[in-house]
């Protein structure tokens, strides 16, 4: 599992015995983040940590690309 968020929204990262916690600041009462998960038993799914990291990197790249619209 992974949580993606904008670095500018990060207040702090903390943890305890059972949890990893990311504290995010809100903008007008809203949070923007993305949650990703993979299950190794999914047919044709992600099977290794390396594949999952590659998947995360691909999603981050897509999220960072500006929207481009071309009207013909």
C-alpha atoms as a PDB file:
ATOM      1  CA  UNK A   1       0.000   0.000   0.000  1.00  0.00           C
ATOM      2  CA  UNK A   2       1.089   3.572  -0.597  1.00  0.00           C
ATOM      3  CA  UNK A   3      -0.222   7.076   0.033  1.00  0.00           C
ATOM      4  CA  UNK A   4       0.723   9.850  -2.383  1.00  0.00           C
ATOM      5  CA  UNK A   5       0.466  13.506  -1.392  1.00  0.00           C
ATOM      6  CA  UNK A   6       1.953  16.875  -2.279  1.00  0.00           C
ATOM      7  CA  UNK A   7       5.152  17.585  -0.357  1.00  0.00           C
ATOM      8  CA  UNK A   8       3.955  21.128   0.318  1.00  0.00           C
ATOM      9  CA  UNK A   9       0.996  19.713   2.267  1.00  0.00           C
ATOM     10  CA  UNK A  10       3.124  17.593   4.617  1.00  0.00           C
ATOM     11  CA  UNK A  11       3.181  18.838   8.208  1.00  0.00           C
ATOM     12  CA  UNK A  12       5.050  15.857   9.666  1.00  0.00           C
ATOM     13  CA  UNK A  13       5.561  12.122   9.432  1.00  0.00           C
ATOM     14  CA  UNK A  14       5.403  10.133  12.638  1.00  0.00           C
ATOM     15  CA  UNK A  15       4.886   6.575  13.787  1.00  0.00           C
ATOM     16  CA  UNK A  16       4.142   4.389  16.752  1.00  0.00           C
ATOM     17  CA  UNK A  17       4.377   0.658  17.374  1.00  0.00           C
ATOM     18  CA  UNK A  18       1.474  -0.140  14.997  1.00  0.00           C
ATOM     19  CA  UNK A  19       1.114   2.839  12.619  1.00  0.00           C
ATOM     20  CA  UNK A  20       2.895   5.124  10.191  1.00  0.00           C
ATOM     21  CA  UNK A  21       1.203   8.524  10.125  1.00  0.00           C
ATOM     22  CA  UNK A  22       1.425  11.426   7.699  1.00  0.00           C
ATOM     23  CA  UNK A  23      -0.052  14.646   9.029  1.00  0.00           C
ATOM     24  CA  UNK A  24      -1.241  16.862   6.170  1.00  0.00           C
ATOM     25  CA  UNK A  25      -2.442  20.449   6.206  1.00  0.00           C
ATOM     26  CA  UNK A  26      -5.792  21.193   4.677  1.00  0.00           C
ATOM     27  CA  UNK A  27      -6.636  23.759   2.048  1.00  0.00           C
ATOM     28  CA  UNK A  28     -10.081  25.256   2.568  1.00  0.00           C
ATOM     29  CA  UNK A  29     -10.948  22.289   4.778  1.00  0.00           C
ATOM     30  CA  UNK A  30      -9.967  19.682   2.173  1.00  0.00           C
ATOM     31  CA  UNK A  31      -7.147  17.179   1.799  1.00  0.00           C
ATOM     32  CA  UNK A  32      -5.793  15.924  -1.493  1.00  0.00           C
ATOM     33  CA  UNK A  33      -4.072  12.553  -1.495  1.00  0.00           C
ATOM     34  CA  UNK A  34      -4.061   9.301  -3.421  1.00  0.00           C
ATOM     35  CA  UNK A  35      -4.127   5.767  -2.049  1.00  0.00           C
ATOM     36  CA  UNK A  36      -2.570   2.866  -3.961  1.00  0.00           C
ATOM     37  CA  UNK A  37      -2.666  -0.833  -3.192  1.00  0.00           C
ATOM     38  CA  UNK A  38      -1.702  -4.060  -4.882  1.00  0.00           C
ATOM     39  CA  UNK A  39      -2.403  -7.672  -4.054  1.00  0.00           C
ATOM     40  CA  UNK A  40       0.080 -10.306  -5.140  1.00  0.00           C
ATOM     41  CA  UNK A  41      -2.709 -12.841  -5.722  1.00  0.00           C
ATOM     42  CA  UNK A  42      -4.504 -10.644  -8.245  1.00  0.00           C
ATOM     43  CA  UNK A  43      -4.375 -12.238 -11.665  1.00  0.00           C
ATOM     44  CA  UNK A  44      -1.812 -10.434 -13.831  1.00  0.00           C
ATOM     45  CA  UNK A  45      -1.231  -8.053 -10.923  1.00  0.00           C
ATOM     46  CA  UNK A  46       1.895  -6.695  -9.283  1.00  0.00           C
ATOM     47  CA  UNK A  47       3.910  -9.544  -7.768  1.00  0.00           C
ATOM     48  CA  UNK A  48       7.107  -7.949  -6.401  1.00  0.00           C
ATOM     49  CA  UNK A  49       8.230  -4.916  -4.452  1.00  0.00           C
ATOM     50  CA  UNK A  50      10.185  -3.727  -7.483  1.00  0.00           C
ATOM     51  CA  UNK A  51       7.049  -3.867  -9.676  1.00  0.00           C
ATOM     52  CA  UNK A  52       5.101  -1.924  -7.052  1.00  0.00           C
ATOM     53  CA  UNK A  53       7.775   0.782  -6.817  1.00  0.00           C
ATOM     54  CA  UNK A  54       7.777   1.060 -10.622  1.00  0.00           C
ATOM     55  CA  UNK A  55       3.962   1.376 -10.535  1.00  0.00           C
ATOM     56  CA  UNK A  56       4.173   4.137  -7.904  1.00  0.00           C
ATOM     57  CA  UNK A  57       6.764   6.019  -9.968  1.00  0.00           C
ATOM     58  CA  UNK A  58       4.545   5.790 -13.075  1.00  0.00           C
ATOM     59  CA  UNK A  59       1.528   7.143 -11.162  1.00  0.00           C
ATOM     60  CA  UNK A  60       3.595  10.002  -9.695  1.00  0.00           C
ATOM     61  CA  UNK A  61       4.794  10.917 -13.179  1.00  0.00           C
ATOM     62  CA  UNK A  62       1.208  10.993 -14.488  1.00  0.00           C
ATOM     63  CA  UNK A  63       0.012  13.094 -11.546  1.00  0.00           C
ATOM     64  CA  UNK A  64       2.800  15.618 -12.109  1.00  0.00           C
ATOM     65  CA  UNK A  65       2.119  16.074 -15.821  1.00  0.00           C
ATOM     66  CA  UNK A  66       0.043  19.151 -16.589  1.00  0.00           C
ATOM     67  CA  UNK A  67      -3.239  18.609 -18.394  1.00  0.00           C
ATOM     68  CA  UNK A  68      -2.950  19.363 -22.080  1.00  0.00           C
ATOM     69  CA  UNK A  69      -5.997  19.891 -24.296  1.00  0.00           C
ATOM     70  CA  UNK A  70      -5.769  20.431 -28.017  1.00  0.00           C
ATOM     71  CA  UNK A  71      -8.845  21.595 -29.955  1.00  0.00           C
ATOM     72  CA  UNK A  72      -8.743  20.926 -33.667  1.00  0.00           C
END
